[in-house]
Amino acid sequence: MISTNHNATNNTHTEGTAPKGPVTEVPELCKDASAQEVEDALKLAGCCLIRNFVSKDIIDQINSECRPTLEQDGAWEGSFFPKETRRAYGLVGLSPTWVNNVLMHPVYQKVCTRFLTIRHWNWSGNRKLWATSRPIINATSCFSIRPGSKAQELHRDDTVHHNRIEAVDVYPEDLSPSAPKRETSLALFLAGTKATKENGATECIPGSHLWSSERMPNADGVRYAAMEPGDAFLMLGSTYHAGGQNTTKDSERLIHATFMCRGILRSEENQFLTIPIETMKERSPAVQKITGYSVSEPFCGWVGLSDPRRLLDPTVPAYSDHQGALEDIPDE
C-alpha cells in the first residue's frame, strides 16, 4: 500500500486502482517496500519516499567516507548551486559503503532496470537480432546545503539529455524493455542528516512527471521531502524539483545523490576520468558494468572492439559479438 502524508493529510492508494483526482502529495513507503510498490509510486507521483532505507550505522559510515573530500570543495561560481553549498563527487571511488548499500541496493537497481532498460531488434541479413541497453550511472554526488543557502530554481534532471515529452493523463503502464520509454534518468537522494523545510529539504512537485516539456513550473504544487537520516527520496528525471533554501543558522542538510540513466546516453559525470582505474579494479563486476565498463548492445562502448571490462580484468573474453543476449530481461 502507498501512503501519502502532508500536513496531517493521510490518503491511501491501493495497488491496481486509479487515484481520485490529481496526485498532490509525495507517496511514503516503508523500508521493506518491493520494487513493484516503488514502481507504482513513481508512476503515480513521479517521486516517493522510502523510510529507513539504510540503517544509522550505514549512513554514519557513508558520511564519514565523504566528509574529507566534501570539506575540500570551494564555492560554486554561477547560479545553479548556492555559494554556501559544498559537494563531493565520484562516490564509486569515494565511498565503498555507499556502493554496496545504496548504488547496488536491489530495489533501486530493479526499479532503474524497469524504467531505463531498452531492448530492440534489427535485421542482420535474414536474422532478427535483439539488442539490449541496460542502465548506467549518470552522476553521483554528496551535497552539503549549509545555512544561508538559497533555493534552486525548479527544474527537471532529464534536460541534461535534451528529453522532450508530451503531456499524459496517466503514466504509461508498460515498462517492458521494448516499450517506448518516457524517462532518461532516475535519482535516489539519501539523507545523511535530518532534512526539513527549514534547512533546505528537496522541493518537488508530485504529478509533474505527467506534464509536457512546454509547461512552466511554479511553486503552487511544491512539497518538501522531509527525511530522517537513512531515509531515501526517489524521483524520475521528468519530475520538477529543486534544492530548498536553508534558512537556519546552524543546521546542515547532507544528502547523497545517485543518478542512473539509459545505457545509450552519455553520463553527466564522466566516470572514466573521475574514478581511478586502479580503484575500479577493486569494485565488483556488477559495479564495473553499471559504472560504464560494459557494452550497450549491439556495439556501443567497446575498447579495441572488445568489452571495456578487459581493461580491468584481462580474463574477460575479447573479440566477441555483443548482440543477441536474452538474459536478465524483465517481462519478456
Protein backbone atom coordinates (compact mmCIF):
# COMPACT_ATOMS: atom_id res chain seq x y z
CA MET A 1 0.00 0.00 0.00
CA ILE A 2 1.17 3.52 -0.81
CA SER A 3 0.59 6.19 1.80
CA THR A 4 0.71 9.91 1.06
CA ASN A 5 1.22 12.22 4.02
CA HIS A 6 1.47 16.00 4.12
CA ASN A 7 0.35 18.49 6.75
CA ALA A 8 -1.65 15.85 8.66
CA THR A 9 -3.31 14.70 5.42
CA ASN A 10 -3.36 10.92 5.03
CA ASN A 11 -4.63 9.38 1.80
CA THR A 12 -4.08 5.84 0.58
CA HIS A 13 -3.84 4.35 -2.88
CA THR A 14 -4.32 0.60 -3.25
CA GLU A 15 -2.38 -1.17 -5.99
CA GLY A 16 -4.43 -1.72 -9.12
CA THR A 17 -6.85 1.16 -8.56
CA ALA A 18 -6.75 4.65 -10.05
CA PRO A 19 -6.16 7.61 -7.72
CA LYS A 20 -9.04 10.02 -7.20
CA GLY A 21 -8.08 13.31 -8.81
CA PRO A 22 -4.59 14.75 -9.32
CA VAL A 23 -1.77 13.48 -7.12
CA THR A 24 -0.61 16.30 -4.87
CA GLU A 25 1.41 14.51 -2.18
CA VAL A 26 4.63 12.51 -2.00
CA PRO A 27 3.92 8.78 -1.50
CA GLU A 28 5.66 7.20 1.50
CA LEU A 29 6.84 3.61 1.66
CA CYS A 30 8.41 1.51 4.38
CA LYS A 31 11.95 0.08 4.21
CA ASP A 32 10.61 -3.34 3.15
CA ALA A 33 8.78 -1.97 0.10
CA SER A 34 9.10 -4.11 -3.01
CA ALA A 35 10.37 -2.87 -6.36
CA GLN A 36 6.79 -3.15 -7.67
CA GLU A 37 5.50 -0.87 -4.92
CA VAL A 38 8.21 1.69 -5.68
CA GLU A 39 7.43 1.47 -9.40
CA ASP A 40 3.73 2.06 -8.69
CA ALA A 41 4.51 5.09 -6.52
CA LEU A 42 6.79 6.62 -9.17
CA LYS A 43 4.20 6.09 -11.89
CA LEU A 44 1.62 7.74 -9.66
CA ALA A 45 3.52 10.79 -8.40
CA GLY A 46 6.91 10.85 -10.14
CA CYS A 47 8.59 10.63 -6.73
CA CYS A 48 8.36 8.76 -3.43
CA LEU A 49 9.94 8.45 0.00
CA ILE A 50 11.28 5.21 1.47
CA ARG A 51 11.66 5.41 5.23
CA ASN A 52 14.70 3.78 6.88
CA PHE A 53 16.20 2.83 3.52
CA VAL A 54 19.55 2.19 5.26
CA SER A 55 20.50 1.91 8.93
CA LYS A 56 22.05 4.62 11.09
CA ASP A 57 25.38 2.77 11.15
CA ILE A 58 25.49 2.67 7.36
CA ILE A 59 24.62 6.33 6.91
CA ASP A 60 27.21 7.33 9.54
CA GLN A 61 29.87 5.38 7.63
CA ILE A 62 28.89 6.95 4.28
CA ASN A 63 29.02 10.41 5.86
CA SER A 64 32.47 9.65 7.26
CA GLU A 65 33.81 8.43 3.92
CA CYS A 66 32.58 11.53 2.07
CA ARG A 67 33.33 14.25 4.63
CA PRO A 68 37.07 14.82 3.95
CA THR A 69 36.51 15.39 0.20
CA LEU A 70 33.42 17.49 0.91
CA GLU A 71 35.42 19.90 3.05
CA GLN A 72 37.97 20.42 0.26
CA ASP A 73 35.33 21.81 -2.12
CA GLY A 74 35.02 25.51 -2.84
CA ALA A 75 32.21 27.95 -3.61
CA TRP A 76 30.29 27.49 -6.87
CA GLU A 77 30.68 30.24 -9.47
CA GLY A 78 27.27 30.84 -11.01
CA SER A 79 23.64 30.47 -10.03
CA PHE A 80 22.87 26.74 -10.19
CA PHE A 81 24.32 25.97 -6.73
CA PRO A 82 24.34 28.39 -3.77
CA LYS A 83 27.82 29.61 -2.84
CA GLU A 84 27.37 28.12 0.66
CA THR A 85 26.84 24.58 -0.69
CA ARG A 86 29.75 22.13 -0.82
CA ARG A 87 29.96 18.99 -2.96
CA ALA A 88 31.87 15.71 -3.23
CA TYR A 89 31.80 13.70 -6.44
CA GLY A 90 32.75 10.25 -7.70
CA LEU A 91 31.10 8.24 -4.94
CA VAL A 92 32.01 4.96 -6.66
CA GLY A 93 35.59 5.66 -5.65
CA LEU A 94 34.90 7.69 -2.54
CA SER A 95 32.52 5.51 -0.52
CA PRO A 96 32.54 1.68 -0.69
CA THR A 97 29.72 1.71 1.87
CA TRP A 98 27.55 3.78 -0.46
CA VAL A 99 28.41 1.45 -3.37
CA ASN A 100 27.38 -1.69 -1.51
CA ASN A 101 24.30 -0.38 0.29
CA VAL A 102 22.83 2.36 -1.91
CA LEU A 103 24.02 2.14 -5.51
CA MET A 104 23.67 -1.65 -5.55
CA HIS A 105 20.55 -1.81 -3.38
CA PRO A 106 18.45 -4.49 -5.13
CA VAL A 107 15.22 -2.49 -5.05
CA TYR A 108 16.83 0.62 -6.54
CA GLN A 109 18.54 -1.39 -9.27
CA LYS A 110 15.35 -3.30 -10.12
CA VAL A 111 13.40 -0.04 -10.41
CA CYS A 112 16.10 1.52 -12.61
CA THR A 113 16.06 -1.59 -14.78
CA ARG A 114 12.30 -1.28 -15.23
CA PHE A 115 12.25 2.41 -16.16
CA LEU A 116 15.51 2.68 -18.13
CA THR A 117 16.31 -0.62 -19.88
CA ILE A 118 15.85 -0.51 -23.66
CA ARG A 119 15.56 -3.54 -25.96
CA HIS A 120 15.06 -3.52 -29.71
CA TRP A 121 15.62 -5.84 -32.67
CA ASN A 122 17.18 -5.30 -36.05
CA TRP A 123 17.77 -7.32 -39.20
CA SER A 124 21.23 -8.76 -39.80
CA GLY A 125 20.82 -10.39 -43.20
CA ASN A 126 17.93 -12.81 -42.72
CA ARG A 127 18.36 -12.99 -38.93
CA LYS A 128 16.39 -10.93 -36.41
CA LEU A 129 18.80 -9.98 -33.60
CA TRP A 130 17.82 -8.42 -30.29
CA ALA A 131 19.99 -5.76 -28.66
CA THR A 132 19.65 -4.67 -25.03
CA SER A 133 20.93 -1.49 -23.39
CA ARG A 134 20.97 -1.55 -19.59
CA PRO A 135 21.15 1.47 -17.22
CA ILE A 136 24.46 3.01 -16.20
CA ILE A 137 25.48 5.62 -13.64
CA ASN A 138 24.62 9.13 -14.75
CA ALA A 139 26.17 11.04 -11.82
CA THR A 140 26.97 10.70 -8.12
CA SER A 141 27.36 13.49 -5.58
CA CYS A 142 27.31 14.31 -1.90
CA PHE A 143 25.78 17.73 -1.20
CA SER A 144 26.19 19.79 1.96
CA ILE A 145 23.49 22.50 1.97
CA ARG A 146 24.64 24.92 4.63
CA PRO A 147 22.96 27.81 6.48
CA GLY A 148 22.23 30.72 4.16
CA SER A 149 21.98 28.58 1.00
CA LYS A 150 19.33 29.87 -1.39
CA ALA A 151 16.84 27.60 -3.11
CA GLN A 152 17.49 26.32 -6.61
CA GLU A 153 15.14 27.03 -9.48
CA LEU A 154 12.62 24.27 -10.17
CA HIS A 155 14.00 22.03 -12.91
CA ARG A 156 13.92 18.55 -14.44
CA ASP A 157 17.01 16.34 -14.46
CA ASP A 158 16.15 14.94 -17.90
CA THR A 159 17.03 18.27 -19.53
CA VAL A 160 20.69 17.20 -19.45
CA HIS A 161 19.79 14.66 -22.15
CA HIS A 162 17.53 17.06 -24.10
CA ASN A 163 14.47 14.95 -23.30
CA ARG A 164 11.23 16.35 -24.72
CA ILE A 165 7.95 14.79 -23.62
CA GLU A 166 4.24 15.33 -24.22
CA ALA A 167 1.60 15.64 -21.52
CA VAL A 168 -0.20 12.45 -20.47
CA ASP A 169 -3.13 11.89 -18.11
CA VAL A 170 -1.75 8.64 -16.72
CA TYR A 171 1.79 7.32 -16.72
CA PRO A 172 2.35 4.54 -19.32
CA GLU A 173 1.68 1.14 -17.78
CA ASP A 174 4.02 -0.87 -19.99
CA LEU A 175 7.64 -0.63 -18.83
CA SER A 176 8.88 -3.70 -20.70
CA PRO A 177 12.29 -3.13 -22.34
CA SER A 178 10.89 -2.90 -25.88
CA ALA A 179 8.12 -0.44 -24.97
CA PRO A 180 8.61 3.31 -25.65
CA LYS A 181 10.35 4.99 -22.72
CA ARG A 182 9.41 8.35 -21.20
CA GLU A 183 12.37 8.57 -18.81
CA THR A 184 16.06 9.14 -19.42
CA SER A 185 17.13 9.04 -15.75
CA LEU A 186 16.11 8.08 -12.22
CA ALA A 187 17.52 9.53 -8.98
CA LEU A 188 17.85 8.45 -5.36
CA PHE A 189 18.61 11.04 -2.66
CA LEU A 190 19.77 9.52 0.63
CA ALA A 191 19.52 11.72 3.74
CA GLY A 192 22.84 11.96 5.58
CA THR A 193 21.30 14.28 8.17
CA LYS A 194 17.78 15.33 9.08
CA ALA A 195 16.14 17.18 6.16
CA THR A 196 13.47 19.76 6.94
CA LYS A 197 11.78 22.57 5.05
CA GLU A 198 13.84 24.97 7.18
CA ASN A 199 17.25 23.51 6.32
CA GLY A 200 16.61 23.05 2.61
CA ALA A 201 14.79 19.75 2.07
CA THR A 202 14.30 18.91 -1.60
CA GLU A 203 11.34 20.70 -3.14
CA CYS A 204 9.30 18.64 -5.60
CA ILE A 205 6.02 18.79 -7.50
CA PRO A 206 4.21 15.42 -7.33
CA GLY A 207 2.49 14.69 -10.62
CA SER A 208 4.72 16.98 -12.69
CA HIS A 209 6.20 13.92 -14.44
CA LEU A 210 2.95 13.85 -16.45
CA TRP A 211 3.42 17.39 -17.78
CA SER A 212 4.65 18.34 -21.22
CA SER A 213 8.04 19.96 -21.66
CA GLU A 214 6.24 23.18 -22.61
CA ARG A 215 4.54 23.62 -19.23
CA MET A 216 6.31 26.03 -16.89
CA PRO A 217 6.54 25.02 -13.20
CA ASN A 218 5.59 27.26 -10.31
CA ALA A 219 5.58 26.97 -6.54
CA ASP A 220 1.85 26.20 -6.21
CA GLY A 221 2.23 22.42 -6.04
CA VAL A 222 5.58 22.24 -4.26
CA ARG A 223 6.03 19.71 -1.46
CA TYR A 224 9.10 19.11 0.70
CA ALA A 225 10.90 15.78 1.04
CA ALA A 226 11.36 15.86 4.80
CA MET A 227 13.60 12.99 5.88
CA GLU A 228 15.42 11.46 8.82
CA PRO A 229 18.99 10.17 8.33
CA GLY A 230 18.83 6.97 6.29
CA ASP A 231 15.57 7.82 4.51
CA ALA A 232 15.58 7.87 0.70
CA PHE A 233 13.76 10.05 -1.83
CA LEU A 234 13.40 8.54 -5.32
CA MET A 235 12.49 10.64 -8.31
CA LEU A 236 12.02 10.27 -12.05
CA GLY A 237 14.08 12.52 -14.31
CA SER A 238 10.84 14.10 -15.58
CA THR A 239 9.77 15.35 -12.13
CA TYR A 240 10.22 19.03 -11.29
CA HIS A 241 12.29 19.61 -8.15
CA ALA A 242 14.88 21.89 -6.57
CA GLY A 243 17.20 22.06 -3.62
CA GLY A 244 15.43 24.05 -0.91
CA GLN A 245 16.56 27.16 0.94
CA ASN A 246 18.42 26.69 4.21
CA THR A 247 17.03 29.43 6.46
CA THR A 248 18.60 28.07 9.66
CA LYS A 249 21.63 29.45 11.46
CA ASP A 250 23.31 26.16 12.36
CA SER A 251 21.68 23.20 10.55
CA GLU A 252 23.46 21.45 7.66
CA ARG A 253 21.47 19.28 5.24
CA LEU A 254 23.68 16.46 3.95
CA ILE A 255 22.43 14.44 1.00
CA HIS A 256 23.99 11.61 -1.03
CA ALA A 257 22.67 11.69 -4.60
CA THR A 258 22.66 8.75 -7.01
CA PHE A 259 21.55 9.15 -10.62
CA MET A 260 21.15 6.37 -13.20
CA CYS A 261 20.43 6.89 -16.92
CA ARG A 262 19.79 4.88 -20.07
CA GLY A 263 22.82 2.97 -21.28
CA ILE A 264 22.69 4.59 -24.73
CA LEU A 265 23.21 8.07 -23.25
CA ARG A 266 26.32 9.98 -22.28
CA SER A 267 26.72 10.14 -18.49
CA GLU A 268 26.52 13.57 -16.92
CA GLU A 269 29.53 12.80 -14.71
CA ASN A 270 32.47 11.29 -16.62
CA GLN A 271 33.08 8.15 -14.57
CA PHE A 272 36.18 7.11 -16.53
CA LEU A 273 38.09 10.28 -15.64
CA THR A 274 36.55 10.67 -12.17
CA ILE A 275 37.29 7.19 -10.79
CA PRO A 276 40.93 5.97 -10.98
CA ILE A 277 41.19 2.74 -12.95
CA GLU A 278 43.02 1.04 -10.07
CA THR A 279 40.03 1.80 -7.85
CA MET A 280 37.65 0.38 -10.46
CA LYS A 281 39.64 -2.87 -10.49
CA GLU A 282 38.71 -3.28 -6.81
CA ARG A 283 34.97 -3.00 -7.49
CA SER A 284 32.77 -5.99 -8.32
CA PRO A 285 31.97 -6.86 -11.96
CA ALA A 286 28.38 -5.68 -11.40
CA VAL A 287 29.58 -2.26 -10.21
CA GLN A 288 32.09 -2.04 -13.04
CA LYS A 289 29.36 -2.69 -15.60
CA ILE A 290 26.92 -0.03 -14.36
CA THR A 291 29.78 2.47 -14.00
CA GLY A 292 30.14 2.19 -17.79
CA TYR A 293 32.67 -0.59 -18.24
CA SER A 294 30.23 -2.55 -20.37
CA VAL A 295 28.87 -2.70 -23.90
CA SER A 296 25.48 -1.23 -24.66
CA GLU A 297 24.34 -3.71 -27.28
CA PRO A 298 24.95 -4.06 -30.06
CA PHE A 299 28.35 -2.28 -30.11
CA CYS A 300 28.32 0.96 -28.12
CA GLY A 301 31.21 1.48 -25.70
CA TRP A 302 33.83 -1.04 -26.87
CA VAL A 303 37.57 -0.67 -26.49
CA GLY A 304 39.56 -2.39 -29.21
CA LEU A 305 36.29 -3.97 -30.38
CA SER A 306 36.12 -5.80 -27.05
CA ASP A 307 34.26 -5.45 -23.75
CA PRO A 308 35.86 -2.50 -21.90
CA ARG A 309 35.99 -4.60 -18.74
CA ARG A 310 39.11 -6.19 -20.26
CA LEU A 311 40.91 -3.05 -19.07
CA LEU A 312 40.01 -4.11 -15.53
CA ASP A 313 40.14 -7.89 -15.92
CA PRO A 314 42.22 -9.45 -18.76
CA THR A 315 40.29 -12.74 -18.42
CA VAL A 316 37.17 -11.12 -19.94
CA PRO A 317 36.73 -12.59 -23.47
CA ALA A 318 37.93 -10.48 -26.39
CA TYR A 319 36.60 -10.04 -29.92
CA SER A 320 33.10 -11.46 -29.49
CA ASP A 321 29.65 -10.42 -30.69
CA HIS A 322 27.79 -8.34 -28.13
CA GLN A 323 24.31 -8.66 -29.61
CA GLY A 324 21.53 -11.14 -29.05
CA ALA A 325 21.79 -11.67 -25.29
CA LEU A 326 18.44 -12.57 -23.74
CA GLU A 327 19.34 -13.00 -20.05
CA ASP A 328 18.04 -10.74 -17.29
CA ILE A 329 15.35 -9.12 -19.44
CA PRO A 330 12.25 -8.48 -17.32
CA ASP A 331 8.78 -9.37 -18.57
CA GLU A 332 9.89 -10.69 -21.96
